[in-house]
Amino acid sequence: MLSSTAEDGEIEVQISILDVVRKNYDSLTLKLQDSLDQYERYAEKPRHAAFFTAMVRSVVFDTRQSIDFSSMDLQLVLQEFSSIS
């Protein structure tokens, strides 16, 4: 959180920037960027989805391998999983 003096200084800077823009508004020009007419088409299934799918599967597999089910009451585990939604 900013102190009161820091907030005041920030507000002064914003006001001074706004003042410069207002004074020079008529002489301001916009510069267009090149290649705005070329873009990558939206894909419902992005190319990197396969990477994340493999990563999640790996994490799930590793987690399943590291759980010691012999010391657990499997009925209790199934009840807990069924209550997750």
N, C-alpha and C. Protein backbone atom coordinates (compact mmCIF):
# COMPACT_ATOMS: atom_id res chain seq x y z
N MET A 1 0.84 -1.18 0.00
CA MET A 1 0.00 0.00 0.00
C MET A 1 0.89 1.24 0.00
N LEU A 2 0.53 2.20 -0.81
CA LEU A 2 1.32 3.43 -0.91
C LEU A 2 0.99 4.37 0.24
N SER A 3 2.00 5.10 0.68
CA SER A 3 1.75 6.11 1.71
C SER A 3 1.03 7.29 1.08
N SER A 4 0.51 8.15 1.92
CA SER A 4 -0.25 9.30 1.43
C SER A 4 0.62 10.19 0.54
N THR A 5 1.89 10.39 0.92
CA THR A 5 2.76 11.24 0.11
C THR A 5 3.09 10.57 -1.22
N ALA A 6 3.24 9.26 -1.22
CA ALA A 6 3.51 8.54 -2.47
C ALA A 6 2.29 8.61 -3.38
N GLU A 7 1.10 8.46 -2.80
CA GLU A 7 -0.13 8.57 -3.60
C GLU A 7 -0.27 9.97 -4.17
N ASP A 8 0.04 10.98 -3.35
CA ASP A 8 -0.05 12.37 -3.82
C ASP A 8 0.91 12.59 -4.98
N GLY A 9 2.13 12.06 -4.86
CA GLY A 9 3.12 12.21 -5.93
C GLY A 9 2.68 11.52 -7.20
N GLU A 10 2.07 10.34 -7.04
CA GLU A 10 1.59 9.60 -8.20
C GLU A 10 0.45 10.36 -8.89
N ILE A 11 -0.43 10.93 -8.11
CA ILE A 11 -1.54 11.71 -8.66
C ILE A 11 -1.01 12.94 -9.39
N GLU A 12 0.01 13.59 -8.82
CA GLU A 12 0.60 14.76 -9.47
C GLU A 12 1.20 14.39 -10.82
N VAL A 13 1.87 13.25 -10.89
CA VAL A 13 2.46 12.79 -12.15
C VAL A 13 1.36 12.53 -13.17
N GLN A 14 0.29 11.87 -12.75
CA GLN A 14 -0.82 11.60 -13.66
C GLN A 14 -1.44 12.90 -14.17
N ILE A 15 -1.60 13.86 -13.29
CA ILE A 15 -2.18 15.15 -13.68
C ILE A 15 -1.27 15.87 -14.66
N SER A 16 0.05 15.82 -14.40
CA SER A 16 0.97 16.51 -15.30
C SER A 16 1.01 15.85 -16.68
N ILE A 17 0.91 14.53 -16.73
CA ILE A 17 0.86 13.83 -18.01
C ILE A 17 -0.40 14.21 -18.76
N LEU A 18 -1.51 14.21 -18.06
CA LEU A 18 -2.78 14.59 -18.68
C LEU A 18 -2.73 16.03 -19.19
N ASP A 19 -2.07 16.91 -18.46
CA ASP A 19 -1.93 18.31 -18.87
C ASP A 19 -1.13 18.42 -20.16
N VAL A 20 -0.04 17.66 -20.27
CA VAL A 20 0.79 17.67 -21.48
C VAL A 20 -0.03 17.16 -22.67
N VAL A 21 -0.79 16.09 -22.47
CA VAL A 21 -1.60 15.55 -23.55
C VAL A 21 -2.64 16.57 -24.00
N ARG A 22 -3.29 17.22 -23.05
CA ARG A 22 -4.31 18.22 -23.41
C ARG A 22 -3.71 19.39 -24.18
N LYS A 23 -2.54 19.86 -23.74
CA LYS A 23 -1.91 21.01 -24.40
C LYS A 23 -1.44 20.68 -25.81
N ASN A 24 -1.04 19.44 -26.04
CA ASN A 24 -0.47 19.05 -27.33
C ASN A 24 -1.38 18.14 -28.14
N TYR A 25 -2.63 18.07 -27.79
CA TYR A 25 -3.57 17.15 -28.43
C TYR A 25 -3.63 17.33 -29.94
N ASP A 26 -3.68 18.56 -30.41
CA ASP A 26 -3.81 18.81 -31.84
C ASP A 26 -2.59 18.36 -32.64
N SER A 27 -1.43 18.33 -32.01
CA SER A 27 -0.22 17.96 -32.74
C SER A 27 0.15 16.48 -32.56
N LEU A 28 -0.62 15.74 -31.79
CA LEU A 28 -0.31 14.33 -31.58
C LEU A 28 -0.63 13.53 -32.83
N THR A 29 0.23 12.57 -33.15
CA THR A 29 -0.02 11.69 -34.29
C THR A 29 0.08 10.24 -33.83
N LEU A 30 -0.70 9.40 -34.44
CA LEU A 30 -0.66 7.98 -34.14
C LEU A 30 0.21 7.28 -35.16
N LYS A 31 1.07 6.41 -34.69
CA LYS A 31 1.91 5.64 -35.60
C LYS A 31 1.37 4.21 -35.62
N LEU A 32 0.99 3.76 -36.80
CA LEU A 32 0.47 2.41 -36.93
C LEU A 32 1.61 1.41 -36.94
N GLN A 33 1.37 0.29 -36.31
CA GLN A 33 2.37 -0.77 -36.31
C GLN A 33 2.25 -1.59 -37.58
N ASP A 34 3.37 -2.14 -38.01
CA ASP A 34 3.39 -2.98 -39.20
C ASP A 34 2.79 -4.35 -38.90
N SER A 35 2.33 -5.00 -39.93
CA SER A 35 1.85 -6.39 -39.90
C SER A 35 0.62 -6.59 -39.03
N LEU A 36 -0.19 -5.57 -38.86
CA LEU A 36 -1.42 -5.76 -38.09
C LEU A 36 -2.47 -6.54 -38.87
N ASP A 37 -2.27 -6.65 -40.19
CA ASP A 37 -3.21 -7.40 -41.00
C ASP A 37 -2.90 -8.90 -41.00
N GLN A 38 -1.79 -9.29 -40.38
CA GLN A 38 -1.42 -10.70 -40.29
C GLN A 38 -1.56 -11.13 -38.83
N TYR A 39 -2.25 -12.22 -38.63
CA TYR A 39 -2.45 -12.71 -37.28
C TYR A 39 -2.55 -14.22 -37.29
N GLU A 40 -2.35 -14.80 -36.13
CA GLU A 40 -2.48 -16.24 -36.01
C GLU A 40 -3.94 -16.56 -35.71
N ARG A 41 -4.51 -17.42 -36.52
CA ARG A 41 -5.92 -17.76 -36.35
C ARG A 41 -6.15 -18.42 -34.99
N TYR A 42 -7.32 -18.15 -34.42
CA TYR A 42 -7.69 -18.77 -33.15
C TYR A 42 -7.94 -20.25 -33.37
N ALA A 43 -7.39 -21.06 -32.52
CA ALA A 43 -7.60 -22.50 -32.60
C ALA A 43 -8.28 -22.95 -31.31
N GLU A 44 -9.40 -23.65 -31.47
CA GLU A 44 -10.14 -24.13 -30.30
C GLU A 44 -9.26 -25.04 -29.46
N LYS A 45 -8.44 -25.85 -30.13
CA LYS A 45 -7.53 -26.74 -29.42
C LYS A 45 -6.11 -26.28 -29.73
N PRO A 46 -5.51 -25.51 -28.86
CA PRO A 46 -4.18 -24.98 -29.14
C PRO A 46 -3.12 -26.08 -29.28
N ARG A 47 -2.05 -25.72 -29.95
CA ARG A 47 -0.97 -26.69 -30.21
C ARG A 47 -0.33 -27.20 -28.94
N HIS A 48 -0.28 -26.40 -27.89
CA HIS A 48 0.40 -26.82 -26.67
C HIS A 48 -0.49 -27.65 -25.75
N ALA A 49 -1.72 -27.94 -26.17
CA ALA A 49 -2.63 -28.74 -25.34
C ALA A 49 -2.06 -30.14 -25.12
N ALA A 50 -1.42 -30.70 -26.13
CA ALA A 50 -0.84 -32.05 -25.99
C ALA A 50 0.23 -32.07 -24.91
N PHE A 51 1.02 -31.01 -24.83
CA PHE A 51 2.06 -30.93 -23.80
C PHE A 51 1.44 -30.96 -22.40
N PHE A 52 0.41 -30.13 -22.19
CA PHE A 52 -0.21 -30.06 -20.87
C PHE A 52 -0.96 -31.35 -20.54
N THR A 53 -1.55 -31.98 -21.55
CA THR A 53 -2.23 -33.26 -21.33
C THR A 53 -1.23 -34.30 -20.85
N ALA A 54 -0.09 -34.37 -21.50
CA ALA A 54 0.95 -35.33 -21.11
C ALA A 54 1.49 -35.01 -19.72
N MET A 55 1.64 -33.73 -19.41
CA MET A 55 2.16 -33.35 -18.10
C MET A 55 1.19 -33.74 -16.99
N VAL A 56 -0.10 -33.47 -17.18
CA VAL A 56 -1.10 -33.81 -16.17
C VAL A 56 -1.17 -35.32 -15.99
N ARG A 57 -1.13 -36.06 -17.09
CA ARG A 57 -1.15 -37.53 -16.98
C ARG A 57 0.06 -38.03 -16.21
N SER A 58 1.22 -37.43 -16.44
CA SER A 58 2.43 -37.83 -15.74
C SER A 58 2.32 -37.55 -14.24
N VAL A 59 1.78 -36.39 -13.90
CA VAL A 59 1.61 -36.03 -12.48
C VAL A 59 0.64 -36.99 -11.80
N VAL A 60 -0.47 -37.30 -12.48
CA VAL A 60 -1.45 -38.23 -11.91
C VAL A 60 -0.83 -39.61 -11.74
N PHE A 61 -0.10 -40.07 -12.75
CA PHE A 61 0.55 -41.38 -12.67
C PHE A 61 1.54 -41.42 -11.51
N ASP A 62 2.40 -40.40 -11.41
CA ASP A 62 3.38 -40.35 -10.32
C ASP A 62 2.71 -40.31 -8.96
N THR A 63 1.63 -39.57 -8.86
CA THR A 63 0.91 -39.47 -7.58
C THR A 63 0.30 -40.81 -7.21
N ARG A 64 -0.29 -41.48 -8.19
CA ARG A 64 -0.87 -42.80 -7.91
C ARG A 64 0.20 -43.80 -7.47
N GLN A 65 1.37 -43.71 -8.07
CA GLN A 65 2.46 -44.62 -7.70
C GLN A 65 2.98 -44.36 -6.29
N SER A 66 2.90 -43.12 -5.84
CA SER A 66 3.48 -42.78 -4.54
C SER A 66 2.52 -42.99 -3.37
N ILE A 67 1.24 -43.26 -3.65
CA ILE A 67 0.28 -43.47 -2.57
C ILE A 67 0.35 -44.92 -2.11
N ASP A 68 0.44 -45.12 -0.80
CA ASP A 68 0.47 -46.46 -0.22
C ASP A 68 -0.96 -46.83 0.17
N PHE A 69 -1.63 -47.59 -0.70
CA PHE A 69 -3.02 -47.95 -0.46
C PHE A 69 -3.16 -49.05 0.59
N SER A 70 -2.09 -49.77 0.88
CA SER A 70 -2.19 -50.88 1.84
C SER A 70 -2.50 -50.40 3.25
N SER A 71 -2.10 -49.19 3.56
CA SER A 71 -2.34 -48.67 4.91
C SER A 71 -3.64 -47.87 5.00
N MET A 72 -4.40 -47.82 3.91
CA MET A 72 -5.62 -47.02 3.90
C MET A 72 -6.86 -47.91 3.89
N ASP A 73 -7.91 -47.36 4.42
CA ASP A 73 -9.22 -48.00 4.31
C ASP A 73 -9.80 -47.56 2.97
N LEU A 74 -9.80 -48.46 1.99
CA LEU A 74 -10.20 -48.10 0.63
C LEU A 74 -11.66 -47.63 0.55
N GLN A 75 -12.51 -48.17 1.41
CA GLN A 75 -13.91 -47.73 1.42
C GLN A 75 -13.99 -46.26 1.80
N LEU A 76 -13.19 -45.85 2.77
CA LEU A 76 -13.16 -44.45 3.21
C LEU A 76 -12.60 -43.56 2.09
N VAL A 77 -11.57 -44.03 1.41
CA VAL A 77 -10.99 -43.27 0.31
C VAL A 77 -12.02 -43.07 -0.80
N LEU A 78 -12.75 -44.12 -1.16
CA LEU A 78 -13.77 -44.01 -2.20
C LEU A 78 -14.88 -43.06 -1.80
N GLN A 79 -15.27 -43.08 -0.53
CA GLN A 79 -16.30 -42.14 -0.07
C GLN A 79 -15.81 -40.71 -0.18
N GLU A 80 -14.55 -40.47 0.16
CA GLU A 80 -14.00 -39.12 0.07
C GLU A 80 -13.94 -38.65 -1.38
N PHE A 81 -13.51 -39.54 -2.28
CA PHE A 81 -13.44 -39.17 -3.70
C PHE A 81 -14.83 -38.89 -4.27
N SER A 82 -15.81 -39.66 -3.84
CA SER A 82 -17.17 -39.46 -4.37
C SER A 82 -17.80 -38.17 -3.86
N SER A 83 -17.30 -37.66 -2.74
CA SER A 83 -17.86 -36.40 -2.21
C SER A 83 -17.21 -35.17 -2.83
N ILE A 84 -16.11 -35.37 -3.56
CA ILE A 84 -15.44 -34.24 -4.22
C ILE A 84 -16.20 -33.91 -5.49
N SER A 85 -16.65 -32.68 -5.59
CA SER A 85 -17.34 -32.28 -6.83
C SER A 85 -17.29 -30.80 -7.03
